[in-house]
Protein backbone atom coordinates (compact mmCIF):
# COMPACT_ATOMS: atom_id res chain seq x y z
CA UNK A 1 25.68 -4.12 -24.29
CA UNK A 2 27.38 -0.79 -24.57
CA UNK A 3 24.88 0.71 -22.12
CA UNK A 4 25.88 -1.80 -19.46
CA UNK A 5 29.66 -1.04 -19.99
CA UNK A 6 28.90 2.66 -19.38
CA UNK A 7 26.85 1.87 -16.33
CA UNK A 8 29.63 -0.35 -14.82
CA UNK A 9 32.13 2.40 -15.57
CA UNK A 10 30.00 5.04 -13.91
CA UNK A 11 29.45 2.72 -10.91
CA UNK A 12 33.28 2.00 -10.59
CA UNK A 13 33.99 5.78 -10.95
CA UNK A 14 31.58 6.57 -8.15
CA UNK A 15 33.13 3.86 -5.90
CA UNK A 16 36.68 5.13 -6.73
CA UNK A 17 35.67 8.81 -6.14
CA UNK A 18 34.10 7.88 -2.69
CA UNK A 19 37.14 5.88 -1.78
CA UNK A 20 39.48 8.74 -2.78
CA UNK A 21 37.48 11.46 -0.93
CA UNK A 22 37.26 9.29 2.19
CA UNK A 23 40.83 8.09 2.13
CA UNK A 24 42.75 11.19 1.25
CA UNK A 25 41.91 13.09 4.52
CA UNK A 26 43.11 10.01 6.48
CA UNK A 27 46.42 10.21 4.72
CA UNK A 28 46.93 14.00 4.38
CA UNK A 29 45.21 15.53 7.38
CA UNK A 30 47.40 16.58 10.29
CA UNK A 31 46.88 14.58 13.41
CA UNK A 32 47.60 16.69 16.43
CA UNK A 33 45.19 15.86 19.21
CA UNK A 34 45.22 18.19 22.26
CA UNK A 35 43.23 18.77 25.47
CA UNK A 36 41.75 21.92 23.91
CA UNK A 37 40.42 20.16 20.86
CA UNK A 38 38.78 17.43 22.91
CA UNK A 39 36.85 19.90 25.19
CA UNK A 40 33.11 20.22 24.52
CA UNK A 41 32.27 23.26 22.45
CA UNK A 42 28.91 24.74 21.52
CA UNK A 43 27.86 27.97 19.96
CA UNK A 44 31.14 29.73 20.56
CA UNK A 45 30.87 29.48 24.36
CA UNK A 46 32.24 27.19 26.93
CA UNK A 47 29.88 24.48 28.10
CA UNK A 48 28.78 25.28 31.58
CA UNK A 49 27.04 22.00 32.31
CA UNK A 50 26.28 18.56 30.75
CA UNK A 51 22.86 18.19 29.22
CA UNK A 52 20.44 17.26 31.89
CA UNK A 53 17.98 14.54 31.78
CA UNK A 54 16.61 12.39 29.03
CA UNK A 55 13.83 13.19 26.60
CA UNK A 56 10.67 11.48 27.51
CA UNK A 57 9.83 8.43 25.26
CA UNK A 58 6.40 9.97 24.48
CA UNK A 59 8.16 12.76 22.54
CA UNK A 60 9.75 10.13 20.28
CA UNK A 61 6.42 8.30 19.85
CA UNK A 62 4.61 11.50 18.74
CA UNK A 63 7.44 12.31 16.38
CA UNK A 64 7.32 8.81 14.72
CA UNK A 65 3.54 9.01 14.43
CA UNK A 66 3.84 12.40 12.78
CA UNK A 67 6.34 10.98 10.23
CA UNK A 68 4.23 7.94 9.61
CA UNK A 69 0.95 9.94 9.02
CA UNK A 70 2.88 12.53 7.06
CA UNK A 71 4.34 9.97 4.62
CA UNK A 72 0.99 8.40 4.20
CA UNK A 73 -0.52 11.79 3.25
CA UNK A 74 2.05 12.30 0.61
CA UNK A 75 0.32 9.58 -1.35
CA UNK A 76 -2.76 11.87 -1.68
CA UNK A 77 -1.02 14.39 -4.04
CA UNK A 78 -0.33 12.12 -6.97
CA UNK A 79 -3.81 10.71 -6.61
CA UNK A 80 -5.31 14.15 -6.62
CA UNK A 81 -3.31 15.03 -9.76
CA UNK A 82 -4.58 11.94 -11.60
CA UNK A 83 -8.04 11.91 -10.11
CA UNK A 84 -9.88 12.24 -13.39
CA UNK A 85 -7.80 9.63 -15.24
CA UNK A 86 -8.18 6.97 -12.59
CA UNK A 87 -11.90 6.89 -12.60
CA UNK A 88 -14.01 4.98 -10.16
CA UNK A 89 -11.25 2.35 -9.53
CA UNK A 90 -8.96 5.10 -8.38
CA UNK A 91 -11.55 6.55 -6.01
CA UNK A 92 -12.18 3.01 -4.50
CA UNK A 93 -8.57 2.48 -4.20
CA UNK A 94 -8.02 5.76 -2.26
CA UNK A 95 -11.02 5.00 -0.09
CA UNK A 96 -9.48 1.69 0.95
CA UNK A 97 -6.13 3.49 1.57
CA UNK A 98 -7.71 6.32 3.60
CA UNK A 99 -9.77 3.61 5.50
CA UNK A 100 -6.43 2.21 6.65
CA UNK A 101 -5.08 5.56 7.54
CA UNK A 102 -8.19 6.36 9.56
CA UNK A 103 -8.19 3.02 11.31
CA UNK A 104 -4.44 3.60 12.28
CA UNK A 105 -5.44 7.04 13.54
CA UNK A 106 -8.30 5.70 15.69
CA UNK A 107 -5.94 2.95 16.99
CA UNK A 108 -3.46 5.73 17.98
CA UNK A 109 -6.22 7.61 19.70
CA UNK A 110 -7.44 4.45 21.45
CA UNK A 111 -3.91 3.76 22.82
CA UNK A 112 -3.69 7.47 24.03
CA UNK A 113 -0.39 7.95 22.14
CA UNK A 114 -1.20 11.63 21.39
CA UNK A 115 -2.15 12.69 24.92
CA UNK A 116 0.59 14.87 26.36
CA UNK A 117 0.82 14.51 30.16
């Protein structure tokens, strides 16, 4: 039971510290808004124009696909480390997983999501 009391104390301490660190600046920070402070500022130079245009949706699709396939490939490293200990069952399990990854990749190719136009 003593472990739970320590855990609750640590949890309450973390919440209190977060509240303190988020609340103190609201109380102590000077609030003096001005026209100069609200002007756009980038890289030490005056902004000469607003950003033009939107990013194409295709860019975001490719970025999301990269993240998805990259995260899936992260699962290969622990499997490779434990390859000898997992035996035939581990090989079959990874074959099924890689089958799903390859099927997903072929689906992406079929939908032409990776073609940049």
